Amino acid sequence: MSIGQQLKQARIEAQMTQEQVAEKIFVSRQSISNWENEKNYPDIMSVIHLSDLYEISLDQLLKGSDSYMKHLNESTNIVKSNQKLFVLIVATLFTMIATLLLTQWFPEKVTLIVVFTLSTILAGILYRQIIRRF
């Protein structure tokens, strides 16, 4: 059974509405709905609060859902995350250097616009990845 189905079933068995659950664990009702409909997954702290609220073990809640276990593995795998960040940094640097080398064949104004635009986009992507880690 998926984690969404487990959460919905546990909520119904506890005779609570999504709104009531949301108030007790300090999230929005939409978050509860999204988790139950598997549009996204709860963070680990929310899972712990839900486990306490519904009085079901974390083991039962987490291990019963292969998709959530995969999500946890991917979101908590530091080595894999560091590798992705390293590849992104190298790709950004390579692209910026290649752009600078290729711009010698473009007129000066076009060169400035291309380099600035590409650098801004790549820096934004890189900063977003770094910020997501914190």
C-alpha atoms as a PDB file:
ATOM      1  CA  MET A   1       0.000   0.000   0.000  1.00  0.00           C
ATOM      2  CA  SER A   2       1.341   3.471  -0.845  1.00  0.00           C
ATOM      3  CA  ILE A   3       2.080   6.044   1.836  1.00  0.00           C
ATOM      4  CA  GLY A   4      -0.763   8.232   0.544  1.00  0.00           C
ATOM      5  CA  GLN A   5      -3.261   5.420   0.947  1.00  0.00           C
ATOM      6  CA  GLN A   6      -1.874   4.590   4.395  1.00  0.00           C
ATOM      7  CA  LEU A   7      -2.137   8.204   5.531  1.00  0.00           C
ATOM      8  CA  LYS A   8      -5.699   8.529   4.269  1.00  0.00           C
ATOM      9  CA  GLN A   9      -6.766   5.240   5.823  1.00  0.00           C
ATOM     10  CA  ALA A  10      -5.155   6.152   9.165  1.00  0.00           C
ATOM     11  CA  ARG A  11      -6.814   9.585   9.131  1.00  0.00           C
ATOM     12  CA  ILE A  12     -10.229   8.062   8.435  1.00  0.00           C
ATOM     13  CA  GLU A  13      -9.731   5.442  11.161  1.00  0.00           C
ATOM     14  CA  ALA A  14      -8.797   8.249  13.564  1.00  0.00           C
ATOM     15  CA  GLN A  15     -12.064   9.953  12.506  1.00  0.00           C
ATOM     16  CA  MET A  16     -10.319  13.195  11.632  1.00  0.00           C
ATOM     17  CA  THR A  17     -10.660  15.593   8.736  1.00  0.00           C
ATOM     18  CA  GLN A  18      -7.719  16.829   6.709  1.00  0.00           C
ATOM     19  CA  GLU A  19      -8.167  20.216   8.349  1.00  0.00           C
ATOM     20  CA  GLN A  20      -7.945  18.748  11.838  1.00  0.00           C
ATOM     21  CA  VAL A  21      -4.796  16.807  10.995  1.00  0.00           C
ATOM     22  CA  ALA A  22      -3.246  19.880   9.403  1.00  0.00           C
ATOM     23  CA  GLU A  23      -3.890  21.954  12.518  1.00  0.00           C
ATOM     24  CA  LYS A  24      -2.376  19.327  14.803  1.00  0.00           C
ATOM     25  CA  ILE A  25       0.873  18.948  12.847  1.00  0.00           C
ATOM     26  CA  PHE A  26       1.102  22.620  11.766  1.00  0.00           C
ATOM     27  CA  VAL A  27       0.811  22.269   7.995  1.00  0.00           C
ATOM     28  CA  SER A  28      -1.831  23.338   5.501  1.00  0.00           C
ATOM     29  CA  ARG A  29      -4.849  21.238   4.617  1.00  0.00           C
ATOM     30  CA  GLN A  30      -3.558  21.260   1.030  1.00  0.00           C
ATOM     31  CA  SER A  31      -0.366  19.565   2.225  1.00  0.00           C
ATOM     32  CA  ILE A  32      -2.402  16.755   3.763  1.00  0.00           C
ATOM     33  CA  SER A  33      -4.421  16.427   0.564  1.00  0.00           C
ATOM     34  CA  ASN A  34      -1.284  16.401  -1.597  1.00  0.00           C
ATOM     35  CA  TRP A  35       0.289  13.705   0.565  1.00  0.00           C
ATOM     36  CA  GLU A  36      -2.818  11.534   0.504  1.00  0.00           C
ATOM     37  CA  ASN A  37      -3.152  11.952  -3.272  1.00  0.00           C
ATOM     38  CA  GLU A  38       0.603  11.396  -3.691  1.00  0.00           C
ATOM     39  CA  LYS A  39       1.207  14.651  -5.498  1.00  0.00           C
ATOM     40  CA  ASN A  40       4.215  15.004  -3.191  1.00  0.00           C
ATOM     41  CA  TYR A  41       5.579  13.428  -0.030  1.00  0.00           C
ATOM     42  CA  PRO A  42       5.717  14.619   3.572  1.00  0.00           C
ATOM     43  CA  ASP A  43       9.102  15.449   5.033  1.00  0.00           C
ATOM     44  CA  ILE A  44      10.469  13.118   7.671  1.00  0.00           C
ATOM     45  CA  MET A  45       9.406  15.336  10.595  1.00  0.00           C
ATOM     46  CA  SER A  46       5.829  15.403   9.318  1.00  0.00           C
ATOM     47  CA  VAL A  47       5.884  11.611   9.009  1.00  0.00           C
ATOM     48  CA  ILE A  48       6.997  11.382  12.633  1.00  0.00           C
ATOM     49  CA  HIS A  49       4.181  13.740  13.735  1.00  0.00           C
ATOM     50  CA  LEU A  50       1.658  11.755  11.683  1.00  0.00           C
ATOM     51  CA  SER A  51       2.906   8.504  13.179  1.00  0.00           C
ATOM     52  CA  ASP A  52       2.382   9.915  16.673  1.00  0.00           C
ATOM     53  CA  LEU A  53      -1.001  11.409  15.805  1.00  0.00           C
ATOM     54  CA  TYR A  54      -2.352   8.250  14.184  1.00  0.00           C
ATOM     55  CA  GLU A  55      -0.624   5.960  16.683  1.00  0.00           C
ATOM     56  CA  ILE A  56       1.011   3.803  14.044  1.00  0.00           C
ATOM     57  CA  SER A  57       4.646   2.835  14.027  1.00  0.00           C
ATOM     58  CA  LEU A  58       7.103   4.575  11.750  1.00  0.00           C
ATOM     59  CA  ASP A  59       8.186   1.165  10.578  1.00  0.00           C
ATOM     60  CA  GLN A  60       4.679   0.326   9.394  1.00  0.00           C
ATOM     61  CA  LEU A  61       4.189   3.739   7.821  1.00  0.00           C
ATOM     62  CA  LEU A  62       7.534   3.974   6.018  1.00  0.00           C
ATOM     63  CA  LYS A  63       8.291   0.412   5.018  1.00  0.00           C
ATOM     64  CA  GLY A  64       4.821  -0.107   3.637  1.00  0.00           C
ATOM     65  CA  SER A  65       5.518   2.331   0.813  1.00  0.00           C
ATOM     66  CA  ASP A  66       8.228   1.530  -1.714  1.00  0.00           C
ATOM     67  CA  SER A  67       7.814   4.876  -3.462  1.00  0.00           C
ATOM     68  CA  TYR A  68       8.320   6.841  -0.226  1.00  0.00           C
ATOM     69  CA  MET A  69      11.362   4.753   0.699  1.00  0.00           C
ATOM     70  CA  LYS A  70      12.820   5.537  -2.728  1.00  0.00           C
ATOM     71  CA  HIS A  71      12.046   9.244  -2.182  1.00  0.00           C
ATOM     72  CA  LEU A  72      13.765   9.175   1.225  1.00  0.00           C
ATOM     73  CA  ASN A  73      16.777   7.398  -0.196  1.00  0.00           C
ATOM     74  CA  GLU A  74      17.151   9.936  -2.991  1.00  0.00           C
ATOM     75  CA  SER A  75      16.557  12.981  -0.794  1.00  0.00           C
ATOM     76  CA  THR A  76      18.922  11.888   1.974  1.00  0.00           C
ATOM     77  CA  ASN A  77      21.742  10.422  -0.109  1.00  0.00           C
ATOM     78  CA  ILE A  78      24.481  12.999   0.555  1.00  0.00           C
ATOM     79  CA  VAL A  79      27.093  11.407  -1.704  1.00  0.00           C
ATOM     80  CA  LYS A  80      24.736  11.325  -4.665  1.00  0.00           C
ATOM     81  CA  SER A  81      23.668  14.896  -3.941  1.00  0.00           C
ATOM     82  CA  ASN A  82      27.296  16.053  -3.767  1.00  0.00           C
ATOM     83  CA  GLN A  83      28.059  14.316  -7.059  1.00  0.00           C
ATOM     84  CA  LYS A  84      25.146  16.069  -8.757  1.00  0.00           C
ATOM     85  CA  LEU A  85      26.292  19.416  -7.383  1.00  0.00           C
ATOM     86  CA  PHE A  86      29.878  18.799  -8.534  1.00  0.00           C
ATOM     87  CA  VAL A  87      28.694  17.864 -12.041  1.00  0.00           C
ATOM     88  CA  LEU A  88      26.529  20.995 -12.135  1.00  0.00           C
ATOM     89  CA  ILE A  89      29.453  23.208 -11.083  1.00  0.00           C
ATOM     90  CA  VAL A  90      31.769  21.651 -13.693  1.00  0.00           C
ATOM     91  CA  ALA A  91      29.108  21.930 -16.398  1.00  0.00           C
ATOM     92  CA  THR A  92      28.493  25.573 -15.489  1.00  0.00           C
ATOM     93  CA  LEU A  93      32.190  26.424 -15.638  1.00  0.00           C
ATOM     94  CA  PHE A  94      32.672  24.506 -18.891  1.00  0.00           C
ATOM     95  CA  THR A  95      29.696  26.234 -20.504  1.00  0.00           C
ATOM     96  CA  MET A  96      30.862  29.674 -19.406  1.00  0.00           C
ATOM     97  CA  ILE A  97      34.401  29.066 -20.732  1.00  0.00           C
ATOM     98  CA  ALA A  98      33.064  27.651 -23.993  1.00  0.00           C
ATOM     99  CA  THR A  99      30.752  30.636 -24.368  1.00  0.00           C
ATOM    100  CA  LEU A 100      33.606  33.057 -23.808  1.00  0.00           C
ATOM    101  CA  LEU A 101      35.740  31.245 -26.390  1.00  0.00           C
ATOM    102  CA  LEU A 102      32.927  31.142 -28.941  1.00  0.00           C
ATOM    103  CA  THR A 103      32.021  34.791 -28.513  1.00  0.00           C
ATOM    104  CA  GLN A 104      35.151  35.919 -30.353  1.00  0.00           C
ATOM    105  CA  TRP A 105      33.258  35.258 -33.606  1.00  0.00           C
ATOM    106  CA  PHE A 106      30.229  37.385 -32.643  1.00  0.00           C
ATOM    107  CA  PRO A 107      29.879  41.177 -32.755  1.00  0.00           C
ATOM    108  CA  GLU A 108      30.710  42.902 -29.471  1.00  0.00           C
ATOM    109  CA  LYS A 109      27.140  43.769 -28.325  1.00  0.00           C
ATOM    110  CA  VAL A 110      25.860  40.289 -29.106  1.00  0.00           C
ATOM    111  CA  THR A 111      28.804  38.820 -27.211  1.00  0.00           C
ATOM    112  CA  LEU A 112      28.054  40.852 -24.117  1.00  0.00           C
ATOM    113  CA  ILE A 113      24.361  39.943 -24.178  1.00  0.00           C
ATOM    114  CA  VAL A 114      25.003  36.235 -24.774  1.00  0.00           C
ATOM    115  CA  VAL A 115      27.651  35.942 -22.070  1.00  0.00           C
ATOM    116  CA  PHE A 116      25.629  37.923 -19.534  1.00  0.00           C
ATOM    117  CA  THR A 117      22.404  35.996 -20.205  1.00  0.00           C
ATOM    118  CA  LEU A 118      24.021  32.571 -20.136  1.00  0.00           C
ATOM    119  CA  SER A 119      26.073  33.402 -17.045  1.00  0.00           C
ATOM    120  CA  THR A 120      22.987  34.672 -15.232  1.00  0.00           C
ATOM    121  CA  ILE A 121      20.955  31.576 -16.068  1.00  0.00           C
ATOM    122  CA  LEU A 122      23.706  29.162 -15.103  1.00  0.00           C
ATOM    123  CA  ALA A 123      24.517  31.039 -11.887  1.00  0.00           C
ATOM    124  CA  GLY A 124      20.812  30.991 -10.990  1.00  0.00           C
ATOM    125  CA  ILE A 125      20.598  27.235 -11.515  1.00  0.00           C
ATOM    126  CA  LEU A 126      23.753  26.679  -9.494  1.00  0.00           C
ATOM    127  CA  TYR A 127      22.600  28.927  -6.624  1.00  0.00           C
ATOM    128  CA  ARG A 128      19.213  27.221  -6.579  1.00  0.00           C
ATOM    129  CA  GLN A 129      20.873  23.836  -6.169  1.00  0.00           C
ATOM    130  CA  ILE A 130      23.116  25.132  -3.405  1.00  0.00           C
ATOM    131  CA  ILE A 131      20.213  26.784  -1.561  1.00  0.00           C
ATOM    132  CA  ARG A 132      18.088  23.624  -1.825  1.00  0.00           C
ATOM    133  CA  ARG A 133      20.744  21.785   0.164  1.00  0.00           C
ATOM    134  CA  PHE A 134      20.242  24.045   3.193  1.00  0.00           C
END
